Each structure stands twice: as structure tokens, then as C-alpha cells.
Amino acid sequence: MGKITSLQFWSVYFVFIFATTIAFLIGSLGQNAQYDGWIVILSGAVTGTGLVSLFIAFARKRPGDYLGEYGREIIGKYPHLLIMLLFSLFNLHLSAYIIREFLDFFSQTYLRDTPQWAICLLFTFALFCLIQSGCSNLFRFAQGCFIFVGLLFLVKPLFFLESLDIEMLKAFITPHEAGIIWDETYLITPWYGEMIIIIFILPELEKPMKSIKMLWLASAAGTYILLSEYMIMIGFFGPELSGVLTYPALELARFISLGDFLQNLDPFIVSVWILALFVKLSVIFYTGVLTFSQAFAIGNYKLVSLPLTAAVVGLSMVMAHNPSELTAFFDQSWAAFAWIVECSPAVYVIVDYVKSRHAKRAAPVPGS
């Protein structure tokens, strides 16, 4: 089986940053942060990427071993089991959330007469087949999708330059509210911290020692996409309307046309965005299955992938009665849960440091 190349790793994290954010989360950020949102995005990018970098630096001490397997040697069997199950629950729950958001969007917009369960089964069947192919093939698929996703979203802001209201853009440099920036940074940082999952698949990387460099490069590129989408959204709709619209960034796609050749690029842009969404969902779900199998020392993660797929399907169907309830939960509670999970690897770092210090003190002094 091949290794994950630096370009494949970069492609996945680039897509990770904005795949779900621009569709499901950016509207509430616009309503809450308004013209301070660009500062929030930048501060969240630095904080979240920095947090992930610290834990990758720790995992690189043993680049050929899985943290999910040797972690019990550091903190003990049961604390390690607890952290691994916490990570698995986090990723499986996040997978169910992404599936549910996709179902709500797709069934309301394109397949109104199709039952959600039918869409869900078809979507998750493709997901199940992809993760069965292995981690390297999953990232290779992501690299192929990046050719379409990256090109589209890198050039998409250029279509709006002539239509933007320059006077409205000046509002982005008005006096800023420190309290709002602090509160919203707390909420947005976990969006970047989701890539903490890389510490569990580090041995799959072809060049693990370059992972932090590629992480920051991908974070910078993804943040460019997020910033440009946010500023265009505020420039077109304003903060209040952006918060009211269910999918404000996707609404922007209807303003793009290529002269008389293509009057509406909405279907094309949505299709490419679904590719990005599927890439992120696949990596998150794969990590949830992998950490679950490693928690119980199951040698082959494929043995538990089918029952966990069924569990995620069931959870996605019952986790909320309507889109508003789902959005309210993630606006109010998800960030705290994500912070706890994404900071939990600090337990390994602290215990390993204490053990190393103790071992150095206990070691005999040469010549004594």
C-alpha cells in the first residue's frame, strides 16, 4: 500500500477548512461577528493550526508508530481507552452531523420528493466503499478532487470583483469589538482544529517530518478561500441577511455567469462543493472507525466499519427534528465539546514529559 504524499496531505487539509464551513457555518459567523469576522477567521486559523502543530510535533517523535497503539504505554490502558473512544465518538458524531446537513440541503433544494433515508443510504454506501479501500487510496481520491475543487474556489472570488460595493467593504476597517472577536474566535478555532486527526494516521505519511510545514501552507490557502467567501457574502448580503439565509455562500453561486454561454453556474458549483464535502466526510469517518478499532486493539478496522456506518446513518436521521434545531445545537454546544476533544492529546504530552524528566533524574550519573 502506498504512502500519503505531501501534496495529498495538503489537498485534504485545504479542503477541510472550508468544505462545511462555507455552506453551513459561515452565515451565523456573519450575523454574530459582522465586520469583525475577518479578524475572527485569521485568529481562529492561527490558534487552531498552532494547536494541531503542537500535537503533530509530539507525534513525530515516533513517526513510524500509531499513537492509537502506543498511547497506552504513555498514560496507561484505561485513560488511553477513554481518550480514543472520545476521539472516535467525536469523529463519528461529526460525520453524522455533516451527513444530516447534506441531507437537509439536498432534499430541500434538489430532491424534494425523495425520502431522506433513501438519499442517506446511497450517500453512505459510497462513503463505506471509499473507506474500505484504505487510507492512502482515500487521500489519493482527495487529490483528484482537489483539481476541480481547488481551481474553482481559488478563482471564484474573481467573478465578484466588479459587483462589490467598495463603500461597504470599508466597514471592515471600522473600530472592532474585542469581546465579539474573543467569543467568535473560541467558536471558530475548532473548525481548524479538526485536522488533529492527522496525529492518528501520521505513519501513513510519506514525509511525516514535513507535515507541519504542509499544514501551515494548506491552512493559509484554505483561509484565503474562507476570507474571500466571507467578505463577498457580507458585501452582497450584509451581516443581518447573511444570518437569516440558510445557505448564504451557496446563494452567491447564483450571481455567477459566463456571459451568454452559461447564465447559471449554480449546479456546477454545488456539484464541485459536494466533492469537497465528501472528501472531508470520508477522512473524518475513516478516523472515527480507525480510532475505535485501535481503542479495542482490533487489528483490521474494516471489521467494524459496517456497524459503525449503520450507527452513523441512524444518528444522522434522529439527531435533530429540523435544520434549525441542528444549527442551534452546534452554535451553542459543539465548540465546547470540540475544544475538550482536540485538546485531549495534551494528556499524552504532559505525562510523557513528566516521565522523561523523572527518568533523567533517576538515571545514574556517569563516573559516580
Protein backbone atom coordinates (compact mmCIF):
# COMPACT_ATOMS: atom_id res chain seq x y z
CA MET A 1 0.00 0.00 0.00
CA GLY A 2 1.36 3.45 -0.91
CA LYS A 3 2.02 6.31 1.44
CA ILE A 4 0.24 9.66 1.61
CA THR A 5 2.28 12.26 -0.26
CA SER A 6 2.78 15.83 0.90
CA LEU A 7 0.54 17.11 -1.91
CA GLN A 8 -2.25 14.73 -0.92
CA PHE A 9 -1.99 15.81 2.71
CA TRP A 10 -2.02 19.46 1.65
CA SER A 11 -5.04 18.90 -0.58
CA VAL A 12 -7.08 17.28 2.19
CA TYR A 13 -6.42 19.98 4.79
CA PHE A 14 -7.06 22.71 2.23
CA VAL A 15 -10.50 21.21 1.57
CA PHE A 16 -11.05 20.51 5.28
CA ILE A 17 -11.03 24.17 6.22
CA PHE A 18 -13.87 25.41 4.04
CA ALA A 19 -15.86 22.38 2.81
CA THR A 20 -18.52 22.51 5.54
CA THR A 21 -17.80 26.00 6.82
CA ILE A 22 -18.83 27.99 3.76
CA ALA A 23 -22.07 26.06 3.43
CA PHE A 24 -23.37 25.54 6.96
CA LEU A 25 -21.49 27.76 9.43
CA ILE A 26 -20.40 30.97 7.77
CA GLY A 27 -23.86 32.57 7.93
CA SER A 28 -24.02 32.52 11.73
CA LEU A 29 -20.48 33.91 11.87
CA GLY A 30 -21.57 36.80 9.67
CA GLN A 31 -24.56 37.54 11.88
CA ASN A 32 -22.56 37.39 15.13
CA ALA A 33 -19.17 38.81 14.16
CA GLN A 34 -20.37 41.06 11.31
CA TYR A 35 -17.48 43.23 10.08
CA ASP A 36 -15.09 41.74 12.64
CA GLY A 37 -15.44 38.33 11.03
CA TRP A 38 -12.23 38.57 9.02
CA ILE A 39 -10.24 39.09 12.22
CA VAL A 40 -12.02 36.14 13.80
CA ILE A 41 -11.14 33.91 10.85
CA LEU A 42 -7.47 34.91 10.96
CA SER A 43 -7.17 34.49 14.73
CA GLY A 44 -9.01 31.15 14.59
CA ALA A 45 -6.71 29.97 11.80
CA VAL A 46 -3.55 30.79 13.75
CA THR A 47 -4.86 29.33 17.01
CA GLY A 48 -6.31 26.14 15.52
CA THR A 49 -3.39 25.43 13.21
CA GLY A 50 -0.92 26.17 16.01
CA LEU A 51 -2.72 23.74 18.32
CA VAL A 52 -2.61 20.96 15.73
CA SER A 53 1.07 21.70 15.02
CA LEU A 54 2.00 21.20 18.68
CA PHE A 55 0.46 17.74 18.79
CA ILE A 56 1.92 16.75 15.42
CA ALA A 57 5.35 17.72 16.76
CA PHE A 58 4.80 15.32 19.65
CA ALA A 59 3.57 12.50 17.40
CA ARG A 60 6.61 12.93 15.13
CA LYS A 61 8.83 11.60 17.92
CA ARG A 62 7.66 8.15 16.80
CA PRO A 63 6.72 8.75 13.13
CA GLY A 64 6.53 5.05 12.30
CA ASP A 65 4.10 4.12 15.09
CA TYR A 66 0.40 4.83 15.58
CA LEU A 67 -0.45 6.94 18.61
CA GLY A 68 -3.60 4.87 18.96
CA GLU A 69 -1.41 1.81 19.59
CA TYR A 70 1.47 3.12 21.72
CA GLY A 71 -0.54 5.71 23.64
CA ARG A 72 -1.40 3.15 26.32
CA GLU A 73 2.33 2.84 27.08
CA ILE A 74 2.39 6.52 28.00
CA ILE A 75 -0.74 7.09 30.07
CA GLY A 76 -1.98 3.58 30.84
CA LYS A 77 -4.58 1.29 29.33
CA TYR A 78 -7.82 2.79 30.61
CA PRO A 79 -7.04 6.53 30.25
CA HIS A 80 -5.87 5.77 26.71
CA LEU A 81 -9.05 3.81 26.01
CA LEU A 82 -11.13 6.75 27.25
CA ILE A 83 -9.35 9.27 25.01
CA MET A 84 -9.53 7.01 21.96
CA LEU A 85 -13.25 6.42 22.45
CA LEU A 86 -13.73 10.16 22.92
CA PHE A 87 -12.00 10.82 19.61
CA SER A 88 -13.98 8.09 17.90
CA LEU A 89 -17.26 9.46 19.24
CA PHE A 90 -16.29 12.98 18.18
CA ASN A 91 -15.49 11.96 14.60
CA LEU A 92 -18.48 9.66 14.21
CA HIS A 93 -20.80 12.33 15.63
CA LEU A 94 -19.26 14.94 13.32
CA SER A 95 -19.76 12.55 10.40
CA ALA A 96 -23.44 12.19 11.30
CA TYR A 97 -23.76 15.98 11.51
CA ILE A 98 -22.22 16.51 8.07
CA ILE A 99 -24.46 13.82 6.56
CA ARG A 100 -27.54 15.39 8.14
CA GLU A 101 -26.64 18.87 6.92
CA PHE A 102 -26.12 17.47 3.43
CA LEU A 103 -29.45 15.63 3.55
CA ASP A 104 -31.35 18.73 4.68
CA PHE A 105 -29.76 20.84 1.96
CA PHE A 106 -30.06 18.33 -0.88
CA SER A 107 -33.58 17.14 -0.09
CA GLN A 108 -34.93 20.69 0.24
CA THR A 109 -33.18 22.03 -2.85
CA TYR A 110 -32.99 19.26 -5.44
CA LEU A 111 -34.81 16.08 -4.35
CA ARG A 112 -37.90 17.30 -2.54
CA ASP A 113 -39.98 14.22 -3.35
CA THR A 114 -37.27 11.72 -2.40
CA PRO A 115 -37.23 10.32 1.17
CA GLN A 116 -34.20 11.40 3.18
CA TRP A 117 -33.43 7.83 4.16
CA ALA A 118 -33.01 6.86 0.50
CA ILE A 119 -30.57 9.72 -0.14
CA CYS A 120 -28.76 8.83 3.08
CA LEU A 121 -28.33 5.18 2.15
CA LEU A 122 -26.93 5.97 -1.30
CA PHE A 123 -24.57 8.62 0.08
CA THR A 124 -23.27 6.50 2.95
CA PHE A 125 -22.88 3.43 0.72
CA ALA A 126 -20.39 5.41 -1.37
CA LEU A 127 -18.73 6.56 1.86
CA PHE A 128 -18.45 2.98 3.14
CA CYS A 129 -16.94 1.75 -0.13
CA LEU A 130 -14.33 4.51 -0.11
CA ILE A 131 -13.04 3.93 3.42
CA GLN A 132 -12.85 0.20 2.71
CA SER A 133 -10.20 0.99 0.09
CA GLY A 134 -7.75 2.24 2.73
CA CYS A 135 -6.23 5.49 3.91
CA SER A 136 -3.79 6.04 1.03
CA ASN A 137 -6.48 5.48 -1.60
CA LEU A 138 -8.78 7.86 0.26
CA PHE A 139 -6.16 10.62 0.15
CA ARG A 140 -5.41 9.83 -3.49
CA PHE A 141 -9.10 10.33 -4.24
CA ALA A 142 -8.95 13.64 -2.37
CA GLN A 143 -6.03 14.78 -4.50
CA GLY A 144 -8.00 14.04 -7.65
CA CYS A 145 -10.96 16.03 -6.37
CA PHE A 146 -8.66 18.92 -5.47
CA ILE A 147 -8.01 19.58 -9.16
CA PHE A 148 -11.66 20.64 -9.51
CA VAL A 149 -12.36 21.95 -6.00
CA GLY A 150 -9.17 23.95 -5.60
CA LEU A 151 -9.29 25.56 -9.03
CA LEU A 152 -12.93 26.58 -8.70
CA PHE A 153 -12.72 28.10 -5.23
CA LEU A 154 -9.39 29.81 -5.87
CA VAL A 155 -10.77 31.72 -8.88
CA LYS A 156 -14.39 32.06 -7.76
CA PRO A 157 -13.83 35.41 -5.92
CA LEU A 158 -12.67 36.98 -9.19
CA PHE A 159 -16.22 36.75 -10.58
CA PHE A 160 -17.49 39.15 -7.90
CA LEU A 161 -14.88 41.93 -8.10
CA GLU A 162 -16.88 44.17 -10.45
CA SER A 163 -20.10 43.82 -8.44
CA LEU A 164 -18.77 44.52 -4.96
CA ASP A 165 -19.77 47.71 -3.16
CA ILE A 166 -16.46 49.34 -2.20
CA GLU A 167 -18.14 51.57 0.38
CA MET A 168 -19.46 48.53 2.22
CA LEU A 169 -16.01 46.94 2.20
CA LYS A 170 -14.66 49.97 4.06
CA ALA A 171 -16.72 48.86 7.04
CA PHE A 172 -14.24 46.01 7.59
CA ILE A 173 -11.68 48.51 8.92
CA THR A 174 -14.03 50.28 11.33
CA PRO A 175 -13.42 50.07 15.12
CA HIS A 176 -13.61 46.47 16.31
CA GLU A 177 -15.29 44.83 19.29
CA ALA A 178 -12.74 42.85 21.32
CA GLY A 179 -15.46 40.90 23.15
CA ILE A 180 -17.09 39.72 19.93
CA ILE A 181 -13.73 38.77 18.43
CA TRP A 182 -12.84 36.73 21.52
CA ASP A 183 -16.19 34.91 21.66
CA GLU A 184 -16.28 34.08 17.96
CA THR A 185 -12.63 33.01 17.88
CA TYR A 186 -13.49 30.49 20.58
CA LEU A 187 -16.20 29.12 18.27
CA ILE A 188 -14.22 29.10 15.03
CA THR A 189 -10.90 27.67 16.28
CA PRO A 190 -12.23 24.06 16.40
CA TRP A 191 -13.00 24.32 12.67
CA TYR A 192 -9.24 24.39 12.11
CA GLY A 193 -8.53 22.04 15.00
CA GLU A 194 -10.48 19.24 13.31
CA MET A 195 -7.27 18.28 11.50
CA ILE A 196 -5.96 16.98 14.83
CA ILE A 197 -6.92 13.62 13.36
CA ILE A 198 -3.60 13.60 11.47
CA ILE A 199 -1.78 12.51 14.65
CA PHE A 200 -3.58 9.16 14.42
CA ILE A 201 -2.55 8.48 10.82
CA LEU A 202 0.94 10.02 10.87
CA PRO A 203 2.68 6.71 9.95
CA GLU A 204 0.71 6.76 6.70
CA LEU A 205 2.53 9.93 5.57
CA GLU A 206 5.39 9.58 3.12
CA LYS A 207 7.26 12.51 4.71
CA PRO A 208 5.92 12.96 8.26
CA MET A 209 8.71 15.40 9.17
CA LYS A 210 7.29 17.90 6.64
CA SER A 211 3.74 17.61 7.94
CA ILE A 212 3.78 20.84 9.97
CA LYS A 213 5.07 22.89 7.05
CA MET A 214 2.40 21.49 4.75
CA LEU A 215 -0.20 22.06 7.45
CA TRP A 216 0.52 25.80 7.59
CA LEU A 217 0.63 26.15 3.81
CA ALA A 218 -2.73 24.42 3.48
CA SER A 219 -4.15 26.49 6.32
CA ALA A 220 -3.07 29.70 4.57
CA ALA A 221 -4.66 28.64 1.27
CA GLY A 222 -7.87 27.47 2.93
CA THR A 223 -8.08 30.67 4.96
CA TYR A 224 -7.84 32.68 1.75
CA ILE A 225 -10.92 30.83 0.47
CA LEU A 226 -12.78 31.34 3.73
CA LEU A 227 -11.88 35.04 3.96
CA SER A 228 -12.82 35.78 0.36
CA GLU A 229 -16.14 33.92 0.68
CA TYR A 230 -16.91 35.72 3.93
CA MET A 231 -16.12 39.21 2.66
CA ILE A 232 -18.07 38.64 -0.56
CA MET A 233 -21.02 37.33 1.43
CA ILE A 234 -21.04 40.38 3.72
CA GLY A 235 -20.51 42.68 0.75
CA PHE A 236 -23.51 41.26 -1.12
CA PHE A 237 -25.98 40.40 1.63
CA GLY A 238 -24.82 42.31 4.69
CA PRO A 239 -24.43 40.70 8.14
CA GLU A 240 -28.13 40.51 9.01
CA LEU A 241 -29.35 38.90 5.78
CA SER A 242 -26.37 36.53 5.83
CA GLY A 243 -27.52 35.25 9.20
CA VAL A 244 -31.11 34.77 8.02
CA LEU A 245 -30.26 32.87 4.82
CA THR A 246 -29.88 29.14 5.39
CA TYR A 247 -27.04 28.73 2.88
CA PRO A 248 -25.74 32.26 2.11
CA ALA A 249 -22.49 31.21 0.47
CA LEU A 250 -24.30 28.83 -1.86
CA GLU A 251 -26.76 31.59 -2.71
CA LEU A 252 -23.80 33.56 -4.05
CA ALA A 253 -23.31 30.94 -6.75
CA ARG A 254 -26.47 32.17 -8.46
CA PHE A 255 -24.81 35.51 -9.16
CA ILE A 256 -22.08 33.93 -11.28
CA SER A 257 -22.43 33.61 -15.05
CA LEU A 258 -20.11 33.36 -18.05
CA GLY A 259 -21.74 35.80 -20.43
CA ASP A 260 -24.29 34.22 -22.73
CA PHE A 261 -22.58 30.83 -22.57
CA LEU A 262 -23.61 29.89 -19.05
CA GLN A 263 -26.23 32.02 -17.34
CA ASN A 264 -26.26 30.00 -14.13
CA LEU A 265 -23.26 28.13 -12.70
CA ASP A 266 -25.14 27.13 -9.57
CA PRO A 267 -25.44 23.38 -10.42
CA PHE A 268 -21.77 23.15 -11.37
CA ILE A 269 -20.52 24.92 -8.25
CA VAL A 270 -22.77 22.85 -5.98
CA SER A 271 -21.52 19.67 -7.64
CA VAL A 272 -17.89 20.61 -7.01
CA TRP A 273 -18.71 21.63 -3.44
CA ILE A 274 -20.31 18.21 -2.83
CA LEU A 275 -17.00 16.66 -3.88
CA ALA A 276 -15.22 18.75 -1.24
CA LEU A 277 -17.82 17.81 1.36
CA PHE A 278 -17.44 14.12 0.53
CA VAL A 279 -13.65 14.31 0.87
CA LYS A 280 -13.88 15.84 4.33
CA LEU A 281 -16.59 13.45 5.45
CA SER A 282 -14.59 10.43 4.26
CA VAL A 283 -11.45 11.40 6.18
CA ILE A 284 -13.39 12.19 9.36
CA PHE A 285 -15.38 8.97 9.22
CA TYR A 286 -12.27 6.91 8.46
CA THR A 287 -10.56 8.39 11.53
CA GLY A 288 -13.58 7.64 13.69
CA VAL A 289 -13.56 4.00 12.58
CA LEU A 290 -9.76 3.72 12.92
CA THR A 291 -9.62 5.16 16.45
CA PHE A 292 -12.48 2.89 17.53
CA SER A 293 -10.65 -0.19 16.25
CA GLN A 294 -7.35 0.89 17.82
CA ALA A 295 -9.05 1.59 21.15
CA PHE A 296 -10.02 -2.09 21.39
CA ALA A 297 -6.85 -3.34 19.67
CA ILE A 298 -8.77 -4.64 16.65
CA GLY A 299 -6.14 -5.29 14.00
CA ASN A 300 -8.33 -4.60 10.96
CA TYR A 301 -10.56 -1.53 11.11
CA LYS A 302 -12.69 -2.92 8.28
CA LEU A 303 -14.25 -5.39 10.72
CA VAL A 304 -16.09 -2.57 12.49
CA SER A 305 -16.66 -0.22 9.55
CA LEU A 306 -20.06 -1.65 8.58
CA PRO A 307 -21.70 -1.50 12.05
CA LEU A 308 -20.26 1.97 12.63
CA THR A 309 -21.58 3.10 9.24
CA ALA A 310 -25.03 1.89 10.26
CA ALA A 311 -24.72 3.70 13.61
CA VAL A 312 -23.77 6.97 11.89
CA VAL A 313 -26.68 6.64 9.46
CA GLY A 314 -29.10 6.13 12.34
CA LEU A 315 -27.65 9.02 14.32
CA SER A 316 -27.83 11.39 11.36
CA MET A 317 -31.54 10.66 10.96
CA VAL A 318 -32.52 11.23 14.61
CA MET A 319 -30.04 13.84 15.89
CA ALA A 320 -32.43 16.74 15.22
CA HIS A 321 -36.05 17.28 14.21
CA ASN A 322 -35.28 20.10 11.77
CA PRO A 323 -32.35 22.17 10.44
CA SER A 324 -32.95 24.98 12.95
CA GLU A 325 -32.62 22.61 15.90
CA LEU A 326 -29.44 21.14 14.42
CA THR A 327 -27.92 24.58 13.87
CA ALA A 328 -28.84 25.72 17.39
CA PHE A 329 -27.09 22.73 18.95
CA PHE A 330 -23.86 23.29 17.07
CA ASP A 331 -23.90 27.04 17.69
CA GLN A 332 -24.34 26.57 21.43
CA SER A 333 -22.68 23.29 22.45
CA TRP A 334 -20.42 21.86 19.77
CA ALA A 335 -17.48 24.21 20.31
CA ALA A 336 -17.05 23.21 23.97
CA PHE A 337 -17.14 19.52 23.05
CA ALA A 338 -14.65 20.08 20.21
CA TRP A 339 -12.23 22.01 22.46
CA ILE A 340 -12.22 19.17 25.00
CA VAL A 341 -11.57 16.53 22.36
CA GLU A 342 -9.00 18.48 20.37
CA CYS A 343 -7.01 19.37 23.50
CA SER A 344 -7.14 15.86 24.99
CA PRO A 345 -3.82 14.77 23.34
CA ALA A 346 -2.19 17.19 25.78
CA VAL A 347 -2.53 14.38 28.32
CA TYR A 348 -0.02 12.32 26.33
CA VAL A 349 2.34 15.28 26.02
CA ILE A 350 2.26 16.15 29.72
CA VAL A 351 2.60 12.58 31.00
CA ASP A 352 5.40 11.83 28.54
CA TYR A 353 7.25 14.97 29.63
CA VAL A 354 6.90 14.11 33.32
CA LYS A 355 8.09 10.55 32.72
CA SER A 356 11.07 11.79 30.70
CA ARG A 357 12.07 14.23 33.44
CA HIS A 358 11.75 11.54 36.08
CA ALA A 359 13.81 9.09 34.01
CA LYS A 360 16.60 11.64 33.59
CA ARG A 361 16.74 12.31 37.32
CA ALA A 362 16.71 8.60 38.13
CA ALA A 363 19.47 7.78 35.62
CA PRO A 364 22.90 7.22 37.26
CA VAL A 365 25.44 9.98 36.76
CA PRO A 366 28.43 8.77 34.65
CA GLY A 367 31.54 8.20 36.76
CA SER A 368 29.66 8.08 40.06
